[in-house]
């Protein structure tokens, strides 16, 4: 699961964190509506697709298709290796 920290730097950053938290709640609800916990979803997400049953593949596809598409208002998060951060 993604861990979010509040970012210092004004209302823009705080708004971005609130948006990320809101999006995370939407994704968790979609996962739960498909009968999985977040831990179960993460295990399936990391599994080799050839090891998944046809039912598990259907569930993963349903989750993927239910997640809203990104647009100009979507807040994205990028992970930068510590060695590159200043």
Protein backbone atom coordinates (compact mmCIF):
# COMPACT_ATOMS: atom_id res chain seq x y z
CA UNK A 1 0.00 0.00 0.00
CA UNK A 2 1.16 3.52 -0.70
CA UNK A 3 2.12 5.49 2.37
CA UNK A 4 1.52 9.22 2.16
CA UNK A 5 3.12 11.90 4.27
CA UNK A 6 1.89 15.44 4.58
CA UNK A 7 4.18 17.64 2.54
CA UNK A 8 5.29 21.03 3.84
CA UNK A 9 4.93 23.93 1.49
CA UNK A 10 1.50 25.53 1.44
CA UNK A 11 -1.99 24.73 0.38
CA UNK A 12 -0.97 23.37 -3.04
CA UNK A 13 0.97 20.51 -1.49
CA UNK A 14 -1.70 19.93 1.16
CA UNK A 15 -4.34 19.84 -1.57
CA UNK A 16 -2.27 17.30 -3.49
CA UNK A 17 -2.02 15.07 -0.41
CA UNK A 18 -5.79 15.33 0.16
CA UNK A 19 -6.37 14.39 -3.50
CA UNK A 20 -4.00 11.42 -3.23
CA UNK A 21 -5.75 10.27 -0.04
CA UNK A 22 -9.13 10.61 -1.76
CA UNK A 23 -7.91 8.60 -4.77
CA UNK A 24 -6.48 5.96 -2.46
CA UNK A 25 -9.85 5.59 -0.72
CA UNK A 26 -11.53 5.13 -4.12
CA UNK A 27 -9.05 2.41 -5.08
CA UNK A 28 -9.43 0.63 -1.72
CA UNK A 29 -13.23 0.67 -2.15
CA UNK A 30 -12.90 -0.81 -5.64
CA UNK A 31 -10.62 -3.56 -4.30
CA UNK A 32 -13.04 -4.33 -1.46
CA UNK A 33 -16.08 -4.37 -3.80
CA UNK A 34 -14.28 -7.08 -5.77
CA UNK A 35 -14.03 -9.24 -2.66
CA UNK A 36 -10.37 -8.64 -1.80
CA UNK A 37 -8.47 -6.97 1.01
CA UNK A 38 -5.63 -4.63 0.11
CA UNK A 39 -3.13 -7.28 1.25
CA UNK A 40 -4.76 -9.92 -0.97
CA UNK A 41 -4.77 -7.48 -3.88
CA UNK A 42 -1.08 -6.69 -3.39
CA UNK A 43 -0.21 -10.40 -3.36
CA UNK A 44 -2.10 -10.92 -6.61
CA UNK A 45 -0.62 -7.75 -8.10
CA UNK A 46 2.90 -9.01 -7.46
CA UNK A 47 2.24 -12.58 -8.60
CA UNK A 48 3.27 -13.86 -12.00
CA UNK A 49 0.19 -13.62 -14.22
CA UNK A 50 0.76 -17.22 -15.34
CA UNK A 51 0.25 -18.33 -11.72
CA UNK A 52 -3.18 -16.68 -11.38
CA UNK A 53 -6.40 -18.61 -11.87
CA UNK A 54 -8.82 -17.39 -14.53
CA UNK A 55 -11.07 -16.05 -11.74
CA UNK A 56 -8.18 -14.09 -10.21
CA UNK A 57 -7.34 -12.61 -13.63
CA UNK A 58 -10.99 -11.54 -14.04
CA UNK A 59 -10.95 -9.87 -10.62
CA UNK A 60 -7.69 -8.03 -11.36
CA UNK A 61 -9.04 -6.85 -14.73
CA UNK A 62 -12.30 -5.70 -13.10
CA UNK A 63 -10.30 -3.68 -10.55
CA UNK A 64 -8.09 -2.18 -13.26
CA UNK A 65 -11.09 -1.25 -15.41
CA UNK A 66 -12.95 0.31 -12.44
CA UNK A 67 -10.14 2.71 -11.53
CA UNK A 68 -10.83 6.13 -13.07
CA UNK A 69 -8.61 7.11 -16.01
CA UNK A 70 -6.04 9.83 -15.42
CA UNK A 71 -6.70 13.31 -16.76
CA UNK A 72 -5.28 16.83 -16.37
CA UNK A 73 -6.64 17.03 -12.81
CA UNK A 74 -5.07 13.75 -11.68
CA UNK A 75 -2.32 14.08 -9.08
CA UNK A 76 0.54 11.67 -9.82
CA UNK A 77 3.26 10.60 -7.42
CA UNK A 78 6.79 9.86 -8.50
CA UNK A 79 9.33 7.95 -6.44
CA UNK A 80 12.89 9.23 -6.71
CA UNK A 81 15.78 7.10 -5.37
CA UNK A 82 17.34 8.75 -2.33
CA UNK A 83 20.71 9.08 -4.08
CA UNK A 84 19.14 11.39 -6.65
CA UNK A 85 17.21 13.60 -4.24
CA UNK A 86 18.76 16.81 -2.96
